[in-house]
């Protein structure tokens, strides 16, 4: 049975199994799982903030990613949202590069613009302090200019109630394209406007 199971393990999406079901249906067979995978699964369910990379069993999301708050699944979901697909893409058509990290590059608007101006098609992600919540947005344009509005229908904002569960992801698309993206030297990324409650 163990040999058969070893062939099937890469096909199992453990990350999609709710913790209650994992406890009931997977834990009774934990001795059949490779030790490394067992450790990763326990970390994923008990201390997800310590899991710095995707689980090795997630073969359909095997993108190398330099992040401690998102994983390859998030990137596949973002790609799906960019191309307006309802299902998460199994093959990611985009290459993602980390160009700015506040903890590494500085946490001011000047730091943000120094790294991100001149770059098209960027995703901004922020983790809400002392929670597992993520917020962010996608800008298909650049961040150049001061007191400039960028017109686009392709941008969006998003949030995750729990960064460890992509099923908690929510997306908001553009209502008024004239104010979809706003660029100011004294601010970081701005999506939409609340001036008239329009976006």
Protein backbone atom coordinates (compact mmCIF):
# COMPACT_ATOMS: atom_id res chain seq x y z
CA UNK A 1 0.00 0.00 0.00
CA UNK A 2 2.84 2.39 0.83
CA UNK A 3 4.37 2.06 -2.67
CA UNK A 4 1.03 2.75 -4.33
CA UNK A 5 0.45 5.74 -2.07
CA UNK A 6 3.87 7.22 -2.89
CA UNK A 7 2.85 7.39 -6.57
CA UNK A 8 -0.40 9.15 -5.69
CA UNK A 9 0.91 11.67 -3.13
CA UNK A 10 2.01 14.27 -5.75
CA UNK A 11 -1.58 14.28 -7.05
CA UNK A 12 -3.13 15.07 -3.67
CA UNK A 13 -3.79 18.75 -2.97
CA UNK A 14 -3.35 18.69 0.78
CA UNK A 15 -3.62 22.48 0.95
CA UNK A 16 -7.26 22.26 -0.21
CA UNK A 17 -8.25 19.87 2.59
CA UNK A 18 -9.91 21.66 5.53
CA UNK A 19 -8.15 21.02 8.85
CA UNK A 20 -11.08 18.98 10.26
CA UNK A 21 -11.03 16.61 7.27
CA UNK A 22 -7.24 16.43 7.41
CA UNK A 23 -7.48 15.35 11.03
CA UNK A 24 -10.17 12.73 10.30
CA UNK A 25 -9.10 11.38 6.91
CA UNK A 26 -5.36 11.94 6.53
CA UNK A 27 -3.88 11.73 10.03
CA UNK A 28 -4.86 8.07 10.52
CA UNK A 29 -2.48 7.29 7.61
CA UNK A 30 0.31 9.69 8.53
CA UNK A 31 2.81 6.85 9.04
CA UNK A 32 2.51 6.10 5.30
CA UNK A 33 3.54 9.63 4.33
CA UNK A 34 7.20 10.58 3.82
CA UNK A 35 8.65 12.16 6.96
CA UNK A 36 9.45 15.48 5.22
CA UNK A 37 5.91 15.81 3.85
CA UNK A 38 4.44 14.89 7.25
CA UNK A 39 6.46 17.70 8.83
CA UNK A 40 5.36 20.19 6.13
CA UNK A 41 1.71 19.22 6.56
CA UNK A 42 1.83 19.63 10.33
CA UNK A 43 3.49 23.02 9.89
CA UNK A 44 0.89 24.01 7.28
CA UNK A 45 -2.03 23.18 9.59
CA UNK A 46 -0.57 24.11 12.98
CA UNK A 47 1.78 27.04 12.27
CA UNK A 48 1.17 28.23 8.69
CA UNK A 49 3.08 31.48 9.21
CA UNK A 50 6.26 29.41 9.54
CA UNK A 51 5.79 27.70 6.17
CA UNK A 52 8.01 29.76 3.88
CA UNK A 53 7.42 27.80 0.68
CA UNK A 54 4.65 25.79 -0.98
CA UNK A 55 4.14 22.20 0.16
CA UNK A 56 6.19 19.77 -1.91
CA UNK A 57 3.02 17.89 -2.86
CA UNK A 58 1.64 20.91 -4.72
CA UNK A 59 3.04 19.79 -8.04
CA UNK A 60 0.61 21.83 -10.14
CA UNK A 61 1.81 25.02 -8.42
CA UNK A 62 5.57 24.42 -8.54
CA UNK A 63 6.65 28.03 -9.05
CA UNK A 64 9.65 29.24 -7.07
CA UNK A 65 8.59 32.37 -5.17
CA UNK A 66 10.53 34.72 -2.94
CA UNK A 67 7.83 35.59 -0.40
CA UNK A 68 6.90 34.85 3.19
CA UNK A 69 3.25 35.96 2.85
CA UNK A 70 2.09 34.36 -0.42
CA UNK A 71 2.83 31.17 -2.29
CA UNK A 72 2.60 29.84 -5.86
CA UNK A 73 -1.13 29.26 -5.48
CA UNK A 74 -1.68 32.97 -4.90
CA UNK A 75 0.24 33.74 -8.10
CA UNK A 76 -1.90 31.31 -10.07
CA UNK A 77 -5.02 32.96 -8.64
CA UNK A 78 -3.70 36.45 -9.50
CA UNK A 79 -3.00 35.24 -13.05
CA UNK A 80 -6.55 33.91 -13.27
CA UNK A 81 -7.90 37.28 -12.17
CA UNK A 82 -5.70 39.11 -14.70
CA UNK A 83 -7.02 37.02 -17.61
CA UNK A 84 -10.53 37.02 -16.05
CA UNK A 85 -10.78 33.25 -15.68
CA UNK A 86 -13.17 31.80 -13.09
CA UNK A 87 -10.95 28.80 -12.33
CA UNK A 88 -7.42 28.97 -10.93
CA UNK A 89 -4.96 28.47 -13.77
CA UNK A 90 -2.98 25.23 -13.55
CA UNK A 91 -0.23 26.55 -15.84
CA UNK A 92 0.82 30.06 -14.97
CA UNK A 93 1.44 32.17 -18.10
CA UNK A 94 3.24 34.96 -16.22
CA UNK A 95 6.65 35.36 -14.63
CA UNK A 96 6.60 37.17 -11.27
CA UNK A 97 9.61 39.02 -9.88
CA UNK A 98 9.85 40.59 -6.45
CA UNK A 99 10.92 44.19 -7.12
CA UNK A 100 10.03 45.83 -3.81
CA UNK A 101 9.83 44.52 -0.26
CA UNK A 102 9.19 47.11 2.44
CA UNK A 103 11.13 45.18 5.10
CA UNK A 104 14.14 45.06 2.78
CA UNK A 105 13.88 48.20 0.62
CA UNK A 106 12.33 50.73 2.99
CA UNK A 107 8.80 51.67 3.95
CA UNK A 108 8.33 55.15 2.52
CA UNK A 109 6.64 56.44 -0.64
CA UNK A 110 10.08 57.48 -1.92
CA UNK A 111 11.37 53.93 -1.45
CA UNK A 112 8.31 52.52 -3.25
CA UNK A 113 8.65 54.85 -6.26
CA UNK A 114 12.42 54.34 -6.47
CA UNK A 115 11.85 50.62 -7.07
CA UNK A 116 8.46 50.52 -8.79
CA UNK A 117 8.30 53.54 -11.13
CA UNK A 118 8.92 52.57 -14.73
CA UNK A 119 7.58 49.05 -14.16
CA UNK A 120 4.40 47.96 -15.93
CA UNK A 121 1.99 45.29 -14.70
CA UNK A 122 2.69 45.18 -10.98
CA UNK A 123 0.90 43.54 -8.07
CA UNK A 124 1.02 45.20 -4.67
CA UNK A 125 0.47 43.01 -1.60
CA UNK A 126 0.38 44.07 2.06
CA UNK A 127 -0.22 42.01 5.19
CA UNK A 128 -2.37 43.60 7.88
CA UNK A 129 -0.31 43.72 11.08
CA UNK A 130 -1.07 41.05 13.72
CA UNK A 131 -3.57 39.28 11.43
CA UNK A 132 -3.50 36.77 8.57
CA UNK A 133 -5.27 39.25 6.28
CA UNK A 134 -3.80 40.40 2.97
CA UNK A 135 -4.86 43.36 0.83
CA UNK A 136 -3.53 44.50 -2.51
CA UNK A 137 -4.13 45.34 -6.10
CA UNK A 138 -3.02 44.87 -9.68
CA UNK A 139 -1.85 47.79 -11.86
CA UNK A 140 -1.40 47.02 -15.57
CA UNK A 141 0.08 50.51 -16.06
CA UNK A 142 3.10 52.11 -14.37
CA UNK A 143 3.41 54.17 -11.14
CA UNK A 144 5.16 57.14 -12.80
CA UNK A 145 4.05 60.75 -12.37
CA UNK A 146 2.86 63.07 -9.63
CA UNK A 147 -0.85 63.87 -9.17
CA UNK A 148 -1.61 61.72 -12.21
CA UNK A 149 -4.62 59.43 -12.76
CA UNK A 150 -4.09 56.38 -14.98
CA UNK A 151 -7.04 55.15 -17.02
CA UNK A 152 -7.61 51.40 -17.19
CA UNK A 153 -10.36 48.83 -16.84
CA UNK A 154 -7.89 46.00 -16.25
CA UNK A 155 -6.74 46.84 -12.73
CA UNK A 156 -8.33 45.32 -9.63
CA UNK A 157 -8.05 45.23 -5.87
CA UNK A 158 -8.22 42.13 -3.69
CA UNK A 159 -8.20 40.89 -0.13
CA UNK A 160 -7.70 37.60 1.69
CA UNK A 161 -9.32 37.08 5.06
CA UNK A 162 -6.74 34.35 5.67
CA UNK A 163 -3.51 34.47 3.67
CA UNK A 164 -3.08 30.72 4.20
CA UNK A 165 -6.36 29.95 2.42
CA UNK A 166 -6.71 31.23 -1.16
CA UNK A 167 -10.43 30.41 -1.04
CA UNK A 168 -10.88 33.48 1.20
CA UNK A 169 -9.67 35.70 -1.66
CA UNK A 170 -12.05 38.42 -2.89
CA UNK A 171 -11.61 40.67 -5.91
CA UNK A 172 -13.01 44.10 -6.75
CA UNK A 173 -12.89 45.31 -10.35
CA UNK A 174 -12.86 48.84 -11.72
CA UNK A 175 -16.11 50.83 -11.81
CA UNK A 176 -14.77 54.16 -13.12
CA UNK A 177 -11.72 53.64 -15.31
CA UNK A 178 -10.70 57.32 -15.22
CA UNK A 179 -9.53 56.99 -11.61
CA UNK A 180 -8.50 53.33 -11.53
CA UNK A 181 -4.87 54.11 -10.66
CA UNK A 182 -3.56 57.30 -9.06
CA UNK A 183 0.08 58.27 -8.78
CA UNK A 184 1.50 60.74 -6.25
CA UNK A 185 5.15 61.07 -5.28
CA UNK A 186 4.17 61.49 -1.62
CA UNK A 187 2.08 58.32 -1.51
CA UNK A 188 2.55 54.67 -2.20
CA UNK A 189 0.19 52.77 -4.51
CA UNK A 190 -3.35 54.15 -4.82
CA UNK A 191 -6.21 52.22 -6.40
CA UNK A 192 -9.45 54.01 -7.27
CA UNK A 193 -10.90 57.01 -5.48
CA UNK A 194 -13.38 57.52 -2.67
CA UNK A 195 -14.05 61.12 -3.66
CA UNK A 196 -17.59 60.42 -4.84
CA UNK A 197 -17.88 56.89 -3.48
CA UNK A 198 -17.38 55.67 -7.04
CA UNK A 199 -14.59 53.14 -6.90
